[in-house]
Amino acid sequence: MNESLEQRLRDEGFAYRTEVRDRLVILVPEETADLAREQRLHVTRIALAEGFTHVAMELDPEGAALPRD
């Protein structure tokens, strides 16, 4: 399922690799993503159409920055 999603996203002009955990897909961009709201909704709809029920999008390919003490 995730290979199909990755290909479909690429066909639509979005370069993401996917990490799948059951029906959750985490989309990780190849480079820092700065998507408009409409683009995020479009990507989410594509993932939902591929059978996922939950979608998370990383904004930075390095992952989220975590605050440290």
N, C-alpha and C. Protein backbone atom coordinates (compact mmCIF):
# COMPACT_ATOMS: atom_id res chain seq x y z
N MET A 1 0.83 -1.19 0.00
CA MET A 1 0.00 0.00 0.00
C MET A 1 0.87 1.26 0.00
N ASN A 2 1.98 1.26 0.76
CA ASN A 2 2.76 2.49 0.84
C ASN A 2 3.52 2.78 -0.46
N GLU A 3 3.92 1.73 -1.22
CA GLU A 3 4.60 1.99 -2.50
C GLU A 3 3.64 2.66 -3.47
N SER A 4 2.39 2.22 -3.44
CA SER A 4 1.36 2.81 -4.28
C SER A 4 1.14 4.28 -3.90
N LEU A 5 1.11 4.54 -2.61
CA LEU A 5 0.92 5.92 -2.14
C LEU A 5 2.10 6.78 -2.54
N GLU A 6 3.32 6.30 -2.34
CA GLU A 6 4.50 7.09 -2.72
C GLU A 6 4.47 7.43 -4.20
N GLN A 7 4.11 6.46 -5.03
CA GLN A 7 4.06 6.70 -6.47
C GLN A 7 2.97 7.71 -6.82
N ARG A 8 1.82 7.56 -6.21
CA ARG A 8 0.72 8.48 -6.48
C ARG A 8 1.09 9.91 -6.07
N LEU A 9 1.75 10.05 -4.91
CA LEU A 9 2.18 11.37 -4.48
C LEU A 9 3.19 11.96 -5.47
N ARG A 10 4.14 11.14 -5.92
CA ARG A 10 5.13 11.62 -6.90
C ARG A 10 4.45 12.04 -8.20
N ASP A 11 3.46 11.26 -8.63
CA ASP A 11 2.72 11.61 -9.84
C ASP A 11 2.03 12.97 -9.71
N GLU A 12 1.67 13.33 -8.48
CA GLU A 12 1.01 14.62 -8.21
C GLU A 12 2.01 15.73 -7.89
N GLY A 13 3.31 15.40 -7.90
CA GLY A 13 4.35 16.41 -7.67
C GLY A 13 4.82 16.55 -6.24
N PHE A 14 4.51 15.56 -5.38
CA PHE A 14 4.93 15.60 -3.98
C PHE A 14 5.94 14.49 -3.72
N ALA A 15 7.13 14.86 -3.27
CA ALA A 15 8.20 13.89 -3.02
C ALA A 15 8.25 13.55 -1.53
N TYR A 16 7.60 12.46 -1.16
CA TYR A 16 7.58 11.99 0.22
C TYR A 16 7.94 10.52 0.27
N ARG A 17 8.64 10.14 1.33
CA ARG A 17 8.75 8.71 1.63
C ARG A 17 7.72 8.45 2.71
N THR A 18 7.30 7.21 2.82
CA THR A 18 6.23 6.91 3.77
C THR A 18 6.71 5.94 4.84
N GLU A 19 6.19 6.13 6.04
CA GLU A 19 6.38 5.21 7.15
C GLU A 19 4.98 4.78 7.56
N VAL A 20 4.72 3.48 7.54
CA VAL A 20 3.38 2.98 7.80
C VAL A 20 3.33 2.26 9.13
N ARG A 21 2.32 2.59 9.90
CA ARG A 21 2.04 1.91 11.16
C ARG A 21 0.55 1.61 11.17
N ASP A 22 0.22 0.38 10.76
CA ASP A 22 -1.16 -0.07 10.62
C ASP A 22 -1.88 0.85 9.63
N ARG A 23 -2.89 1.59 10.04
CA ARG A 23 -3.64 2.47 9.14
C ARG A 23 -3.17 3.92 9.22
N LEU A 24 -2.05 4.16 9.93
CA LEU A 24 -1.43 5.48 10.01
C LEU A 24 -0.29 5.54 9.01
N VAL A 25 -0.22 6.61 8.25
CA VAL A 25 0.93 6.84 7.38
C VAL A 25 1.58 8.15 7.79
N ILE A 26 2.89 8.09 7.94
CA ILE A 26 3.68 9.28 8.23
C ILE A 26 4.39 9.65 6.94
N LEU A 27 4.17 10.85 6.48
CA LEU A 27 4.78 11.32 5.24
C LEU A 27 6.00 12.17 5.58
N VAL A 28 7.15 11.77 5.06
CA VAL A 28 8.40 12.46 5.35
C VAL A 28 8.91 13.05 4.03
N PRO A 29 9.05 14.37 3.96
CA PRO A 29 9.48 15.00 2.70
C PRO A 29 10.95 14.74 2.42
N GLU A 30 11.30 14.76 1.13
CA GLU A 30 12.71 14.62 0.75
C GLU A 30 13.48 15.89 1.08
N GLU A 31 12.79 17.02 1.10
CA GLU A 31 13.39 18.28 1.54
C GLU A 31 12.35 19.03 2.34
N THR A 32 12.76 20.06 3.04
CA THR A 32 11.84 20.80 3.91
C THR A 32 10.60 21.20 3.13
N ALA A 33 9.45 20.88 3.69
CA ALA A 33 8.18 21.14 3.02
C ALA A 33 7.54 22.42 3.56
N ASP A 34 7.06 23.24 2.67
CA ASP A 34 6.33 24.44 3.03
C ASP A 34 5.07 24.45 2.18
N LEU A 35 4.12 23.61 2.56
CA LEU A 35 2.91 23.44 1.77
C LEU A 35 1.80 24.37 2.24
N ALA A 36 1.07 24.90 1.29
CA ALA A 36 -0.11 25.69 1.61
C ALA A 36 -1.20 24.75 2.13
N ARG A 37 -2.17 25.31 2.80
CA ARG A 37 -3.25 24.51 3.38
C ARG A 37 -3.91 23.61 2.33
N GLU A 38 -4.17 24.15 1.15
CA GLU A 38 -4.82 23.39 0.09
C GLU A 38 -3.97 22.20 -0.34
N GLN A 39 -2.65 22.41 -0.40
CA GLN A 39 -1.75 21.32 -0.77
C GLN A 39 -1.74 20.23 0.30
N ARG A 40 -1.74 20.63 1.58
CA ARG A 40 -1.77 19.64 2.66
C ARG A 40 -3.06 18.83 2.60
N LEU A 41 -4.17 19.50 2.34
CA LEU A 41 -5.44 18.80 2.21
C LEU A 41 -5.43 17.83 1.03
N HIS A 42 -4.83 18.24 -0.07
CA HIS A 42 -4.75 17.38 -1.25
C HIS A 42 -3.93 16.12 -0.94
N VAL A 43 -2.77 16.30 -0.31
CA VAL A 43 -1.93 15.17 0.07
C VAL A 43 -2.69 14.25 1.03
N THR A 44 -3.39 14.82 1.98
CA THR A 44 -4.17 14.03 2.94
C THR A 44 -5.25 13.23 2.23
N ARG A 45 -5.94 13.84 1.29
CA ARG A 45 -6.99 13.14 0.54
C ARG A 45 -6.42 11.97 -0.27
N ILE A 46 -5.25 12.16 -0.83
CA ILE A 46 -4.60 11.07 -1.58
C ILE A 46 -4.33 9.90 -0.64
N ALA A 47 -3.78 10.18 0.53
CA ALA A 47 -3.47 9.12 1.49
C ALA A 47 -4.75 8.42 1.96
N LEU A 48 -5.78 9.17 2.22
CA LEU A 48 -7.05 8.56 2.65
C LEU A 48 -7.63 7.69 1.54
N ALA A 49 -7.51 8.13 0.29
CA ALA A 49 -8.01 7.35 -0.84
C ALA A 49 -7.24 6.04 -1.01
N GLU A 50 -6.00 6.00 -0.51
CA GLU A 50 -5.19 4.78 -0.57
C GLU A 50 -5.49 3.83 0.58
N GLY A 51 -6.44 4.19 1.44
CA GLY A 51 -6.87 3.28 2.50
C GLY A 51 -6.37 3.59 3.90
N PHE A 52 -5.64 4.68 4.05
CA PHE A 52 -5.17 5.05 5.38
C PHE A 52 -6.28 5.83 6.10
N THR A 53 -6.34 5.68 7.42
CA THR A 53 -7.34 6.40 8.20
C THR A 53 -6.75 7.60 8.93
N HIS A 54 -5.43 7.61 9.09
CA HIS A 54 -4.75 8.70 9.78
C HIS A 54 -3.50 9.07 8.99
N VAL A 55 -3.25 10.37 8.90
CA VAL A 55 -2.12 10.88 8.14
C VAL A 55 -1.36 11.89 9.00
N ALA A 56 -0.04 11.73 9.07
CA ALA A 56 0.82 12.70 9.74
C ALA A 56 1.86 13.16 8.72
N MET A 57 2.16 14.45 8.72
CA MET A 57 3.15 14.99 7.80
C MET A 57 4.28 15.65 8.55
N GLU A 58 5.47 15.16 8.32
CA GLU A 58 6.66 15.84 8.84
C GLU A 58 6.88 17.06 7.96
N LEU A 59 7.36 18.14 8.52
CA LEU A 59 7.67 19.34 7.74
C LEU A 59 9.12 19.39 7.33
N ASP A 60 9.96 18.67 8.08
CA ASP A 60 11.40 18.65 7.85
C ASP A 60 11.86 17.21 7.74
N PRO A 61 12.66 16.86 6.75
CA PRO A 61 13.10 15.47 6.60
C PRO A 61 13.95 14.97 7.76
N GLU A 62 14.48 15.89 8.55
CA GLU A 62 15.29 15.51 9.71
C GLU A 62 14.43 15.15 10.91
N GLY A 63 13.11 15.37 10.81
CA GLY A 63 12.22 15.09 11.92
C GLY A 63 12.00 16.32 12.78
N ALA A 64 11.14 16.16 13.74
CA ALA A 64 10.78 17.28 14.60
C ALA A 64 11.91 17.57 15.61
N ALA A 65 12.13 18.84 15.84
CA ALA A 65 13.11 19.23 16.85
C ALA A 65 12.48 19.05 18.24
N LEU A 66 13.21 18.42 19.10
CA LEU A 66 12.72 18.20 20.46
C LEU A 66 13.49 19.10 21.43
N PRO A 67 12.77 19.85 22.27
CA PRO A 67 13.47 20.70 23.23
C PRO A 67 14.24 19.85 24.24
N ARG A 68 15.38 20.30 24.61
CA ARG A 68 16.23 19.59 25.58
C ARG A 68 16.50 20.49 26.77
N ASP A 69 16.66 19.89 27.94
CA ASP A 69 17.02 20.66 29.15
C ASP A 69 18.51 20.84 29.22
